[in-house]
């Protein structure tokens, strides 16, 4: 119950932050911003789909705004490095760019949080990271793999690349009576090799990570976790189509501002990002990296985050995990 209440409070705080306004004229706020260079701090490293998206959007926005838009990668520490750099800046020209799961899952993965989630105000949804479930080539369907795991407790292995998916998977396993061993990897290349060679039976990861191996036939994409089918993988079912809607997870990626950032500039940023993502060339490049282009307003992004936060809180409750407090 505590986890659910905390999750609800987090969602409510996010919604309220979107509605925060100052006494200044909204139109003046939007017209005046930005007045100097803008920085995007990324929770992920160079080469990721989100990194490419940030750089393509930054280039478009820089031309539109007449101000440089700099992308700074600050990976590590489960997103804490980037989040702390962002919250410490206390500057509405320093924005956080990355997956919402970097913080929606944090209360259930760490005993203490070194930041206050209310300091992250949703500005704009950008995309959905396509998450795939990889399996060795020649494997059966996802159902067949789960049936085998149920029949042979502890003999099959899985791995995942984010804490949010760990919570979802473990809650699903608990409810389904499935016992698979989680194998931790520090090197994604080794995980891919183990899938290809049959030592790892299931691998939850951003599709961008395994794209080359799937295309080469060394890894099979057994399913994607998104709520909608993926255009880049037309023959791969969603987890709902595979019979496991409980595993649905949309990898929300977007832009966050400081808690007291007025609504007007947030709405301008969201509108300008939507315009940038109308460029077919950008859509094509992002789709190729496993990003599903899905621009949205501050309110739409906040609502999606609230939904994800509530969902993850429910998974944590199944596992008996209470939400952490802020340090």
C-alpha atoms as a PDB file:
ATOM      1  CA  UNK A   1       0.000   0.000   0.000  1.00  0.00           C
ATOM      2  CA  UNK A   2       2.861   2.376   0.826  1.00  0.00           C
ATOM      3  CA  UNK A   3       4.406   1.864  -2.619  1.00  0.00           C
ATOM      4  CA  UNK A   4       1.088   2.562  -4.309  1.00  0.00           C
ATOM      5  CA  UNK A   5       0.481   5.722  -2.246  1.00  0.00           C
ATOM      6  CA  UNK A   6       3.995   6.990  -2.983  1.00  0.00           C
ATOM      7  CA  UNK A   7       3.540   6.220  -6.667  1.00  0.00           C
ATOM      8  CA  UNK A   8       0.266   8.177  -6.673  1.00  0.00           C
ATOM      9  CA  UNK A   9       1.900  11.107  -4.898  1.00  0.00           C
ATOM     10  CA  UNK A  10       4.710  11.077  -7.480  1.00  0.00           C
ATOM     11  CA  UNK A  11       2.206  11.102 -10.326  1.00  0.00           C
ATOM     12  CA  UNK A  12       0.181  13.894  -8.731  1.00  0.00           C
ATOM     13  CA  UNK A  13       3.337  15.936  -8.163  1.00  0.00           C
ATOM     14  CA  UNK A  14       4.277  15.542 -11.820  1.00  0.00           C
ATOM     15  CA  UNK A  15       0.855  16.699 -12.987  1.00  0.00           C
ATOM     16  CA  UNK A  16       0.928  19.687 -10.622  1.00  0.00           C
ATOM     17  CA  UNK A  17       4.385  20.669 -11.838  1.00  0.00           C
ATOM     18  CA  UNK A  18       3.056  20.899 -15.379  1.00  0.00           C
ATOM     19  CA  UNK A  19       0.423  23.404 -14.220  1.00  0.00           C
ATOM     20  CA  UNK A  20       2.851  25.624 -12.302  1.00  0.00           C
ATOM     21  CA  UNK A  21       2.825  29.215 -13.555  1.00  0.00           C
ATOM     22  CA  UNK A  22       4.469  32.435 -12.445  1.00  0.00           C
ATOM     23  CA  UNK A  23       2.791  35.825 -12.365  1.00  0.00           C
ATOM     24  CA  UNK A  24       4.449  36.846 -15.646  1.00  0.00           C
ATOM     25  CA  UNK A  25       2.536  36.949 -18.887  1.00  0.00           C
ATOM     26  CA  UNK A  26       2.514  33.500 -20.480  1.00  0.00           C
ATOM     27  CA  UNK A  27       3.018  34.888 -23.973  1.00  0.00           C
ATOM     28  CA  UNK A  28       5.963  36.996 -22.832  1.00  0.00           C
ATOM     29  CA  UNK A  29       7.575  34.001 -21.156  1.00  0.00           C
ATOM     30  CA  UNK A  30       7.353  31.954 -24.335  1.00  0.00           C
ATOM     31  CA  UNK A  31       8.674  34.765 -26.525  1.00  0.00           C
ATOM     32  CA  UNK A  32      11.591  35.596 -24.227  1.00  0.00           C
ATOM     33  CA  UNK A  33      12.865  32.028 -23.853  1.00  0.00           C
ATOM     34  CA  UNK A  34      15.619  31.140 -24.683  1.00  0.00           C
ATOM     35  CA  UNK A  35      17.781  34.168 -24.043  1.00  0.00           C
ATOM     36  CA  UNK A  36      21.093  32.259 -24.010  1.00  0.00           C
ATOM     37  CA  UNK A  37      22.516  28.838 -24.974  1.00  0.00           C
ATOM     38  CA  UNK A  38      20.513  25.764 -23.967  1.00  0.00           C
ATOM     39  CA  UNK A  39      21.977  22.511 -22.690  1.00  0.00           C
ATOM     40  CA  UNK A  40      20.459  19.017 -22.894  1.00  0.00           C
ATOM     41  CA  UNK A  41      21.922  16.680 -20.266  1.00  0.00           C
ATOM     42  CA  UNK A  42      21.488  13.050 -21.294  1.00  0.00           C
ATOM     43  CA  UNK A  43      21.233  10.105 -18.918  1.00  0.00           C
ATOM     44  CA  UNK A  44      22.616   7.852 -21.683  1.00  0.00           C
ATOM     45  CA  UNK A  45      25.937   7.700 -23.481  1.00  0.00           C
ATOM     46  CA  UNK A  46      26.856   8.568 -27.076  1.00  0.00           C
ATOM     47  CA  UNK A  47      25.479   6.289 -29.767  1.00  0.00           C
ATOM     48  CA  UNK A  48      22.175   5.415 -28.102  1.00  0.00           C
ATOM     49  CA  UNK A  49      18.881   6.039 -29.879  1.00  0.00           C
ATOM     50  CA  UNK A  50      18.029   8.759 -27.362  1.00  0.00           C
ATOM     51  CA  UNK A  51      21.427  10.385 -27.969  1.00  0.00           C
ATOM     52  CA  UNK A  52      20.836  10.485 -31.714  1.00  0.00           C
ATOM     53  CA  UNK A  53      17.362  11.898 -31.147  1.00  0.00           C
ATOM     54  CA  UNK A  54      18.670  14.586 -28.822  1.00  0.00           C
ATOM     55  CA  UNK A  55      21.316  15.669 -31.319  1.00  0.00           C
ATOM     56  CA  UNK A  56      18.966  15.756 -34.300  1.00  0.00           C
ATOM     57  CA  UNK A  57      16.415  17.767 -32.329  1.00  0.00           C
ATOM     58  CA  UNK A  58      19.098  20.048 -30.879  1.00  0.00           C
ATOM     59  CA  UNK A  59      20.273  20.920 -34.386  1.00  0.00           C
ATOM     60  CA  UNK A  60      16.740  21.815 -35.479  1.00  0.00           C
ATOM     61  CA  UNK A  61      15.976  23.810 -32.338  1.00  0.00           C
ATOM     62  CA  UNK A  62      19.248  25.707 -32.468  1.00  0.00           C
ATOM     63  CA  UNK A  63      18.384  26.951 -35.945  1.00  0.00           C
ATOM     64  CA  UNK A  64      14.839  27.878 -34.882  1.00  0.00           C
ATOM     65  CA  UNK A  65      15.764  29.552 -31.597  1.00  0.00           C
ATOM     66  CA  UNK A  66      18.890  31.365 -32.753  1.00  0.00           C
ATOM     67  CA  UNK A  67      20.767  29.983 -29.738  1.00  0.00           C
ATOM     68  CA  UNK A  68      23.205  27.057 -29.496  1.00  0.00           C
ATOM     69  CA  UNK A  69      21.677  23.851 -28.115  1.00  0.00           C
ATOM     70  CA  UNK A  70      24.446  21.713 -26.627  1.00  0.00           C
ATOM     71  CA  UNK A  71      24.095  17.998 -25.855  1.00  0.00           C
ATOM     72  CA  UNK A  72      26.066  16.731 -22.871  1.00  0.00           C
ATOM     73  CA  UNK A  73      26.206  12.992 -22.159  1.00  0.00           C
ATOM     74  CA  UNK A  74      26.334  12.145 -18.451  1.00  0.00           C
ATOM     75  CA  UNK A  75      25.770   8.358 -18.267  1.00  0.00           C
ATOM     76  CA  UNK A  76      26.288   6.222 -15.183  1.00  0.00           C
ATOM     77  CA  UNK A  77      24.911   5.631 -11.719  1.00  0.00           C
ATOM     78  CA  UNK A  78      21.525   4.414 -12.972  1.00  0.00           C
ATOM     79  CA  UNK A  79      20.798   7.905 -14.259  1.00  0.00           C
ATOM     80  CA  UNK A  80      21.777   9.632 -11.005  1.00  0.00           C
ATOM     81  CA  UNK A  81      24.844  11.322 -12.540  1.00  0.00           C
ATOM     82  CA  UNK A  82      22.781  13.150 -15.148  1.00  0.00           C
ATOM     83  CA  UNK A  83      19.796  13.817 -12.890  1.00  0.00           C
ATOM     84  CA  UNK A  84      21.963  15.309 -10.152  1.00  0.00           C
ATOM     85  CA  UNK A  85      23.813  17.477 -12.680  1.00  0.00           C
ATOM     86  CA  UNK A  86      20.460  18.715 -13.971  1.00  0.00           C
ATOM     87  CA  UNK A  87      18.842  19.402 -10.591  1.00  0.00           C
ATOM     88  CA  UNK A  88      22.010  21.078  -9.280  1.00  0.00           C
ATOM     89  CA  UNK A  89      22.007  23.534 -12.195  1.00  0.00           C
ATOM     90  CA  UNK A  90      18.647  25.074 -11.176  1.00  0.00           C
ATOM     91  CA  UNK A  91      18.530  26.716 -14.590  1.00  0.00           C
ATOM     92  CA  UNK A  92      15.628  26.726 -17.058  1.00  0.00           C
ATOM     93  CA  UNK A  93      18.164  26.668 -19.896  1.00  0.00           C
ATOM     94  CA  UNK A  94      19.577  23.326 -18.653  1.00  0.00           C
ATOM     95  CA  UNK A  95      17.176  20.508 -19.491  1.00  0.00           C
ATOM     96  CA  UNK A  96      17.263  16.773 -18.851  1.00  0.00           C
ATOM     97  CA  UNK A  97      16.826  14.441 -21.834  1.00  0.00           C
ATOM     98  CA  UNK A  98      16.249  10.734 -21.388  1.00  0.00           C
ATOM     99  CA  UNK A  99      13.897   7.885 -20.505  1.00  0.00           C
ATOM    100  CA  UNK A 100      11.238   8.495 -17.862  1.00  0.00           C
ATOM    101  CA  UNK A 101      12.004   5.078 -16.380  1.00  0.00           C
ATOM    102  CA  UNK A 102      15.282   6.591 -15.164  1.00  0.00           C
ATOM    103  CA  UNK A 103      13.259   7.960 -12.265  1.00  0.00           C
ATOM    104  CA  UNK A 104       9.842   6.230 -12.219  1.00  0.00           C
ATOM    105  CA  UNK A 105      11.570   3.018 -11.133  1.00  0.00           C
ATOM    106  CA  UNK A 106      14.122   4.635  -8.816  1.00  0.00           C
ATOM    107  CA  UNK A 107      11.932   4.600  -5.671  1.00  0.00           C
ATOM    108  CA  UNK A 108      11.732   0.793  -5.905  1.00  0.00           C
ATOM    109  CA  UNK A 109      15.353   0.107  -6.810  1.00  0.00           C
ATOM    110  CA  UNK A 110      17.170   2.232  -4.229  1.00  0.00           C
ATOM    111  CA  UNK A 111      16.800   2.618  -0.480  1.00  0.00           C
ATOM    112  CA  UNK A 112      17.324   6.391  -0.682  1.00  0.00           C
ATOM    113  CA  UNK A 113      16.982   8.864  -3.519  1.00  0.00           C
ATOM    114  CA  UNK A 114      19.647  11.594  -3.834  1.00  0.00           C
ATOM    115  CA  UNK A 115      17.162  13.891  -5.561  1.00  0.00           C
ATOM    116  CA  UNK A 116      13.510  14.887  -5.300  1.00  0.00           C
ATOM    117  CA  UNK A 117      11.431  13.561  -8.251  1.00  0.00           C
ATOM    118  CA  UNK A 118       9.285  16.691  -7.968  1.00  0.00           C
ATOM    119  CA  UNK A 119      12.268  18.657  -9.280  1.00  0.00           C
ATOM    120  CA  UNK A 120      11.760  17.062 -12.720  1.00  0.00           C
ATOM    121  CA  UNK A 121       8.960  18.851 -14.571  1.00  0.00           C
ATOM    122  CA  UNK A 122       7.892  17.188 -17.854  1.00  0.00           C
ATOM    123  CA  UNK A 123       8.414  19.461 -20.835  1.00  0.00           C
ATOM    124  CA  UNK A 124       7.852  17.322 -23.931  1.00  0.00           C
ATOM    125  CA  UNK A 125       7.556  13.706 -24.948  1.00  0.00           C
ATOM    126  CA  UNK A 126       9.891  12.889 -27.824  1.00  0.00           C
ATOM    127  CA  UNK A 127       9.811   9.180 -28.562  1.00  0.00           C
ATOM    128  CA  UNK A 128       9.280   5.664 -27.279  1.00  0.00           C
ATOM    129  CA  UNK A 129      12.327   3.412 -27.088  1.00  0.00           C
ATOM    130  CA  UNK A 130      11.508   0.099 -28.735  1.00  0.00           C
ATOM    131  CA  UNK A 131      12.229  -2.649 -26.195  1.00  0.00           C
ATOM    132  CA  UNK A 132      12.611  -6.149 -27.606  1.00  0.00           C
ATOM    133  CA  UNK A 133      12.807  -9.570 -26.005  1.00  0.00           C
ATOM    134  CA  UNK A 134      15.634 -11.425 -27.677  1.00  0.00           C
ATOM    135  CA  UNK A 135      15.996 -15.207 -27.772  1.00  0.00           C
ATOM    136  CA  UNK A 136      18.410 -17.691 -29.359  1.00  0.00           C
ATOM    137  CA  UNK A 137      17.823 -18.388 -33.062  1.00  0.00           C
ATOM    138  CA  UNK A 138      15.548 -21.360 -33.547  1.00  0.00           C
ATOM    139  CA  UNK A 139      13.714 -20.747 -30.268  1.00  0.00           C
ATOM    140  CA  UNK A 140       9.976 -21.244 -30.155  1.00  0.00           C
ATOM    141  CA  UNK A 141       7.451 -18.566 -29.350  1.00  0.00           C
ATOM    142  CA  UNK A 142       7.587 -16.539 -26.149  1.00  0.00           C
ATOM    143  CA  UNK A 143       4.844 -18.776 -24.752  1.00  0.00           C
ATOM    144  CA  UNK A 144       6.840 -21.894 -25.547  1.00  0.00           C
ATOM    145  CA  UNK A 145       9.912 -20.461 -23.823  1.00  0.00           C
ATOM    146  CA  UNK A 146       7.871 -19.573 -20.729  1.00  0.00           C
ATOM    147  CA  UNK A 147       6.240 -23.023 -20.726  1.00  0.00           C
ATOM    148  CA  UNK A 148       9.677 -24.624 -20.784  1.00  0.00           C
ATOM    149  CA  UNK A 149      10.875 -22.351 -17.973  1.00  0.00           C
ATOM    150  CA  UNK A 150       7.838 -23.330 -15.889  1.00  0.00           C
ATOM    151  CA  UNK A 151       8.526 -27.016 -16.530  1.00  0.00           C
ATOM    152  CA  UNK A 152      12.248 -26.690 -15.728  1.00  0.00           C
ATOM    153  CA  UNK A 153      12.486 -24.297 -12.740  1.00  0.00           C
ATOM    154  CA  UNK A 154      15.780 -22.431 -12.481  1.00  0.00           C
ATOM    155  CA  UNK A 155      17.323 -23.998 -15.589  1.00  0.00           C
ATOM    156  CA  UNK A 156      16.713 -21.158 -18.034  1.00  0.00           C
ATOM    157  CA  UNK A 157      18.340 -17.730 -17.833  1.00  0.00           C
ATOM    158  CA  UNK A 158      17.277 -14.176 -18.623  1.00  0.00           C
ATOM    159  CA  UNK A 159      18.812 -10.715 -18.528  1.00  0.00           C
ATOM    160  CA  UNK A 160      17.571  -7.159 -18.860  1.00  0.00           C
ATOM    161  CA  UNK A 161      19.208  -3.794 -19.295  1.00  0.00           C
ATOM    162  CA  UNK A 162      17.059  -1.599 -17.030  1.00  0.00           C
ATOM    163  CA  UNK A 163      15.763  -1.754 -13.491  1.00  0.00           C
ATOM    164  CA  UNK A 164      12.222  -0.924 -14.629  1.00  0.00           C
ATOM    165  CA  UNK A 165      12.037  -4.041 -16.783  1.00  0.00           C
ATOM    166  CA  UNK A 166      13.509  -6.105 -13.934  1.00  0.00           C
ATOM    167  CA  UNK A 167      10.561  -5.098 -11.755  1.00  0.00           C
ATOM    168  CA  UNK A 168       8.059  -5.945 -14.484  1.00  0.00           C
ATOM    169  CA  UNK A 169       9.663  -9.303 -15.289  1.00  0.00           C
ATOM    170  CA  UNK A 170      10.043 -10.422 -11.676  1.00  0.00           C
ATOM    171  CA  UNK A 171       6.452  -9.464 -10.838  1.00  0.00           C
ATOM    172  CA  UNK A 172       5.259 -11.383 -13.888  1.00  0.00           C
ATOM    173  CA  UNK A 173       7.349 -14.420 -12.923  1.00  0.00           C
ATOM    174  CA  UNK A 174       5.995 -14.344  -9.383  1.00  0.00           C
ATOM    175  CA  UNK A 175       2.403 -14.207 -10.570  1.00  0.00           C
ATOM    176  CA  UNK A 176       2.982 -16.851 -13.248  1.00  0.00           C
ATOM    177  CA  UNK A 177       4.959 -19.378 -11.214  1.00  0.00           C
ATOM    178  CA  UNK A 178       7.988 -19.068 -13.499  1.00  0.00           C
ATOM    179  CA  UNK A 179      11.509 -19.468 -12.134  1.00  0.00           C
ATOM    180  CA  UNK A 180      14.243 -18.148 -14.427  1.00  0.00           C
ATOM    181  CA  UNK A 181      17.678 -17.110 -13.211  1.00  0.00           C
ATOM    182  CA  UNK A 182      18.642 -13.480 -13.805  1.00  0.00           C
ATOM    183  CA  UNK A 183      22.177 -13.123 -15.140  1.00  0.00           C
ATOM    184  CA  UNK A 184      23.791  -9.701 -14.546  1.00  0.00           C
ATOM    185  CA  UNK A 185      25.975  -8.308 -17.322  1.00  0.00           C
ATOM    186  CA  UNK A 186      28.283  -5.347 -17.294  1.00  0.00           C
ATOM    187  CA  UNK A 187      29.004  -5.850 -20.985  1.00  0.00           C
ATOM    188  CA  UNK A 188      26.063  -5.875 -23.397  1.00  0.00           C
ATOM    189  CA  UNK A 189      28.217  -7.520 -26.062  1.00  0.00           C
ATOM    190  CA  UNK A 190      28.701 -10.586 -23.855  1.00  0.00           C
ATOM    191  CA  UNK A 191      24.953 -10.764 -23.221  1.00  0.00           C
ATOM    192  CA  UNK A 192      24.282 -10.727 -26.948  1.00  0.00           C
ATOM    193  CA  UNK A 193      26.849 -13.446 -27.546  1.00  0.00           C
ATOM    194  CA  UNK A 194      25.294 -15.593 -24.834  1.00  0.00           C
ATOM    195  CA  UNK A 195      21.848 -15.217 -26.408  1.00  0.00           C
ATOM    196  CA  UNK A 196      23.198 -16.088 -29.844  1.00  0.00           C
ATOM    197  CA  UNK A 197      24.947 -19.185 -28.457  1.00  0.00           C
ATOM    198  CA  UNK A 198      21.969 -20.326 -26.383  1.00  0.00           C
ATOM    199  CA  UNK A 199      23.391 -19.730 -22.905  1.00  0.00           C
ATOM    200  CA  UNK A 200      20.870 -16.941 -22.291  1.00  0.00           C
ATOM    201  CA  UNK A 201      17.296 -17.753 -23.216  1.00  0.00           C
ATOM    202  CA  UNK A 202      15.659 -14.295 -22.975  1.00  0.00           C
ATOM    203  CA  UNK A 203      17.159 -10.815 -23.172  1.00  0.00           C
ATOM    204  CA  UNK A 204      15.112  -7.645 -22.568  1.00  0.00           C
ATOM    205  CA  UNK A 205      16.908  -4.657 -24.101  1.00  0.00           C
ATOM    206  CA  UNK A 206      16.458  -1.638 -26.303  1.00  0.00           C
ATOM    207  CA  UNK A 207      16.116  -3.006 -29.810  1.00  0.00           C
ATOM    208  CA  UNK A 208      18.962  -0.735 -30.900  1.00  0.00           C
ATOM    209  CA  UNK A 209      21.332  -2.867 -28.805  1.00  0.00           C
ATOM    210  CA  UNK A 210      20.524  -6.129 -30.612  1.00  0.00           C
ATOM    211  CA  UNK A 211      19.500  -4.717 -33.985  1.00  0.00           C
ATOM    212  CA  UNK A 212      22.609  -5.884 -35.843  1.00  0.00           C
ATOM    213  CA  UNK A 213      22.445  -9.379 -34.318  1.00  0.00           C
ATOM    214  CA  UNK A 214      18.750  -9.721 -35.171  1.00  0.00           C
ATOM    215  CA  UNK A 215      19.383  -8.605 -38.745  1.00  0.00           C
ATOM    216  CA  UNK A 216      22.237 -11.117 -39.002  1.00  0.00           C
ATOM    217  CA  UNK A 217      20.008 -13.941 -37.731  1.00  0.00           C
ATOM    218  CA  UNK A 218      22.100 -14.555 -34.628  1.00  0.00           C
ATOM    219  CA  UNK A 219      19.321 -13.406 -32.251  1.00  0.00           C
ATOM    220  CA  UNK A 220      15.589 -13.864 -32.663  1.00  0.00           C
ATOM    221  CA  UNK A 221      13.250 -11.040 -31.669  1.00  0.00           C
ATOM    222  CA  UNK A 222      10.587 -13.034 -29.836  1.00  0.00           C
ATOM    223  CA  UNK A 223       8.421 -10.001 -29.006  1.00  0.00           C
ATOM    224  CA  UNK A 224       8.414  -6.262 -28.409  1.00  0.00           C
ATOM    225  CA  UNK A 225       7.079  -4.782 -25.186  1.00  0.00           C
ATOM    226  CA  UNK A 226       5.359  -1.724 -26.637  1.00  0.00           C
ATOM    227  CA  UNK A 227       1.623  -1.284 -26.566  1.00  0.00           C
ATOM    228  CA  UNK A 228       1.647  -0.962 -30.370  1.00  0.00           C
ATOM    229  CA  UNK A 229       3.358  -3.120 -33.033  1.00  0.00           C
ATOM    230  CA  UNK A 230       6.724  -1.833 -34.255  1.00  0.00           C
ATOM    231  CA  UNK A 231       6.926  -0.724 -37.883  1.00  0.00           C
ATOM    232  CA  UNK A 232      10.595  -1.703 -37.976  1.00  0.00           C
ATOM    233  CA  UNK A 233       9.686  -5.277 -36.907  1.00  0.00           C
ATOM    234  CA  UNK A 234       6.409  -5.968 -38.708  1.00  0.00           C
ATOM    235  CA  UNK A 235       6.580  -9.739 -38.178  1.00  0.00           C
ATOM    236  CA  UNK A 236       7.349  -9.576 -34.450  1.00  0.00           C
ATOM    237  CA  UNK A 237       4.376  -9.682 -32.051  1.00  0.00           C
ATOM    238  CA  UNK A 238       3.846  -7.345 -29.147  1.00  0.00           C
ATOM    239  CA  UNK A 239       3.802  -9.042 -25.757  1.00  0.00           C
ATOM    240  CA  UNK A 240       0.024  -8.599 -25.754  1.00  0.00           C
ATOM    241  CA  UNK A 241      -0.252 -10.353 -29.099  1.00  0.00           C
ATOM    242  CA  UNK A 242       2.022 -13.080 -27.730  1.00  0.00           C
ATOM    243  CA  UNK A 243      -0.417 -13.586 -24.842  1.00  0.00           C
ATOM    244  CA  UNK A 244       1.357 -11.666 -22.078  1.00  0.00           C
ATOM    245  CA  UNK A 245      -0.119  -8.152 -21.758  1.00  0.00           C
ATOM    246  CA  UNK A 246       1.329  -7.907 -18.222  1.00  0.00           C
ATOM    247  CA  UNK A 247       4.752  -7.404 -19.817  1.00  0.00           C
ATOM    248  CA  UNK A 248       3.716  -4.293 -21.762  1.00  0.00           C
ATOM    249  CA  UNK A 249       6.136  -1.416 -21.323  1.00  0.00           C
ATOM    250  CA  UNK A 250       6.501   1.730 -23.419  1.00  0.00           C
ATOM    251  CA  UNK A 251       9.947   3.272 -23.084  1.00  0.00           C
ATOM    252  CA  UNK A 252       8.993   6.940 -22.676  1.00  0.00           C
ATOM    253  CA  UNK A 253      11.745   9.347 -23.710  1.00  0.00           C
ATOM    254  CA  UNK A 254      11.457  13.075 -23.346  1.00  0.00           C
ATOM    255  CA  UNK A 255      12.657  16.377 -22.045  1.00  0.00           C
ATOM    256  CA  UNK A 256      12.416  17.664 -18.465  1.00  0.00           C
ATOM    257  CA  UNK A 257      12.862  21.116 -17.003  1.00  0.00           C
ATOM    258  CA  UNK A 258      13.270  22.407 -13.436  1.00  0.00           C
ATOM    259  CA  UNK A 259      10.210  22.295 -11.195  1.00  0.00           C
ATOM    260  CA  UNK A 260       9.549  26.062 -11.340  1.00  0.00           C
ATOM    261  CA  UNK A 261       9.929  26.396 -15.116  1.00  0.00           C
ATOM    262  CA  UNK A 262       6.838  28.275 -16.328  1.00  0.00           C
ATOM    263  CA  UNK A 263       4.343  26.440 -18.496  1.00  0.00           C
ATOM    264  CA  UNK A 264       4.570  28.822 -21.451  1.00  0.00           C
ATOM    265  CA  UNK A 265       8.185  28.043 -22.460  1.00  0.00           C
ATOM    266  CA  UNK A 266       7.519  24.345 -21.865  1.00  0.00           C
ATOM    267  CA  UNK A 267       4.639  24.468 -24.296  1.00  0.00           C
ATOM    268  CA  UNK A 268       6.770  26.343 -26.818  1.00  0.00           C
ATOM    269  CA  UNK A 269       9.538  23.731 -26.538  1.00  0.00           C
ATOM    270  CA  UNK A 270       7.019  20.901 -26.970  1.00  0.00           C
ATOM    271  CA  UNK A 271       5.507  22.592 -30.038  1.00  0.00           C
ATOM    272  CA  UNK A 272       8.931  23.212 -31.574  1.00  0.00           C
ATOM    273  CA  UNK A 273       9.964  19.605 -30.959  1.00  0.00           C
ATOM    274  CA  UNK A 274       6.753  18.396 -32.592  1.00  0.00           C
ATOM    275  CA  UNK A 275       7.605  20.551 -35.625  1.00  0.00           C
ATOM    276  CA  UNK A 276      11.157  19.186 -35.720  1.00  0.00           C
ATOM    277  CA  UNK A 277       9.887  15.607 -35.594  1.00  0.00           C
ATOM    278  CA  UNK A 278       7.635  16.253 -38.576  1.00  0.00           C
ATOM    279  CA  UNK A 279      10.750  16.045 -40.745  1.00  0.00           C
ATOM    280  CA  UNK A 280      10.606  12.645 -42.545  1.00  0.00           C
ATOM    281  CA  UNK A 281      14.403  12.406 -42.594  1.00  0.00           C
ATOM    282  CA  UNK A 282      14.557  12.635 -38.788  1.00  0.00           C
ATOM    283  CA  UNK A 283      11.723  10.130 -38.402  1.00  0.00           C
ATOM    284  CA  UNK A 284      13.546   7.704 -40.678  1.00  0.00           C
ATOM    285  CA  UNK A 285      16.823   8.009 -38.780  1.00  0.00           C
ATOM    286  CA  UNK A 286      15.187   7.600 -35.375  1.00  0.00           C
ATOM    287  CA  UNK A 287      13.086   4.647 -36.531  1.00  0.00           C
ATOM    288  CA  UNK A 288      16.248   2.942 -37.763  1.00  0.00           C
ATOM    289  CA  UNK A 289      17.699   3.151 -34.235  1.00  0.00           C
ATOM    290  CA  UNK A 290      14.656   1.582 -32.605  1.00  0.00           C
ATOM    291  CA  UNK A 291      12.921   4.797 -31.560  1.00  0.00           C
ATOM    292  CA  UNK A 292       9.209   5.223 -32.194  1.00  0.00           C
ATOM    293  CA  UNK A 293       8.636   8.929 -32.853  1.00  0.00           C
ATOM    294  CA  UNK A 294       5.861  10.070 -30.507  1.00  0.00           C
ATOM    295  CA  UNK A 295       5.953  13.816 -29.752  1.00  0.00           C
ATOM    296  CA  UNK A 296       3.655  15.080 -27.033  1.00  0.00           C
ATOM    297  CA  UNK A 297       2.875  18.152 -24.980  1.00  0.00           C
ATOM    298  CA  UNK A 298       3.878  18.736 -21.369  1.00  0.00           C
ATOM    299  CA  UNK A 299       0.481  17.540 -20.191  1.00  0.00           C
ATOM    300  CA  UNK A 300       0.544  14.451 -22.421  1.00  0.00           C
ATOM    301  CA  UNK A 301       4.038  13.559 -21.267  1.00  0.00           C
ATOM    302  CA  UNK A 302       3.075  14.081 -17.623  1.00  0.00           C
ATOM    303  CA  UNK A 303       0.012  11.864 -17.999  1.00  0.00           C
ATOM    304  CA  UNK A 304       2.073   9.105 -19.624  1.00  0.00           C
ATOM    305  CA  UNK A 305       4.647   9.325 -16.828  1.00  0.00           C
ATOM    306  CA  UNK A 306       1.928   9.151 -14.197  1.00  0.00           C
ATOM    307  CA  UNK A 307       0.550   6.023 -15.870  1.00  0.00           C
ATOM    308  CA  UNK A 308       3.999   4.431 -16.006  1.00  0.00           C
ATOM    309  CA  UNK A 309       4.761   5.382 -12.403  1.00  0.00           C
ATOM    310  CA  UNK A 310       1.493   3.852 -11.196  1.00  0.00           C
ATOM    311  CA  UNK A 311       2.139   0.702 -13.210  1.00  0.00           C
ATOM    312  CA  UNK A 312       5.660   0.262 -11.846  1.00  0.00           C
ATOM    313  CA  UNK A 313       4.351   0.900  -8.330  1.00  0.00           C
ATOM    314  CA  UNK A 314       1.915  -1.974  -8.864  1.00  0.00           C
ATOM    315  CA  UNK A 315       4.727  -4.316  -9.915  1.00  0.00           C
ATOM    316  CA  UNK A 316       6.732  -3.299  -6.871  1.00  0.00           C
ATOM    317  CA  UNK A 317       3.755  -4.056  -4.644  1.00  0.00           C
ATOM    318  CA  UNK A 318       3.567  -7.590  -6.054  1.00  0.00           C
ATOM    319  CA  UNK A 319       7.224  -8.000  -5.101  1.00  0.00           C
ATOM    320  CA  UNK A 320       6.736  -6.519  -1.641  1.00  0.00           C
ATOM    321  CA  UNK A 321       8.985  -3.538  -2.335  1.00  0.00           C
ATOM    322  CA  UNK A 322       8.259  -0.280  -0.546  1.00  0.00           C
ATOM    323  CA  UNK A 323       9.048   3.049  -2.146  1.00  0.00           C
ATOM    324  CA  UNK A 324      12.211   4.819  -1.068  1.00  0.00           C
ATOM    325  CA  UNK A 325      12.330   8.231   0.517  1.00  0.00           C
ATOM    326  CA  UNK A 326      14.294  11.249  -0.652  1.00  0.00           C
ATOM    327  CA  UNK A 327      17.557  11.935   1.142  1.00  0.00           C
END
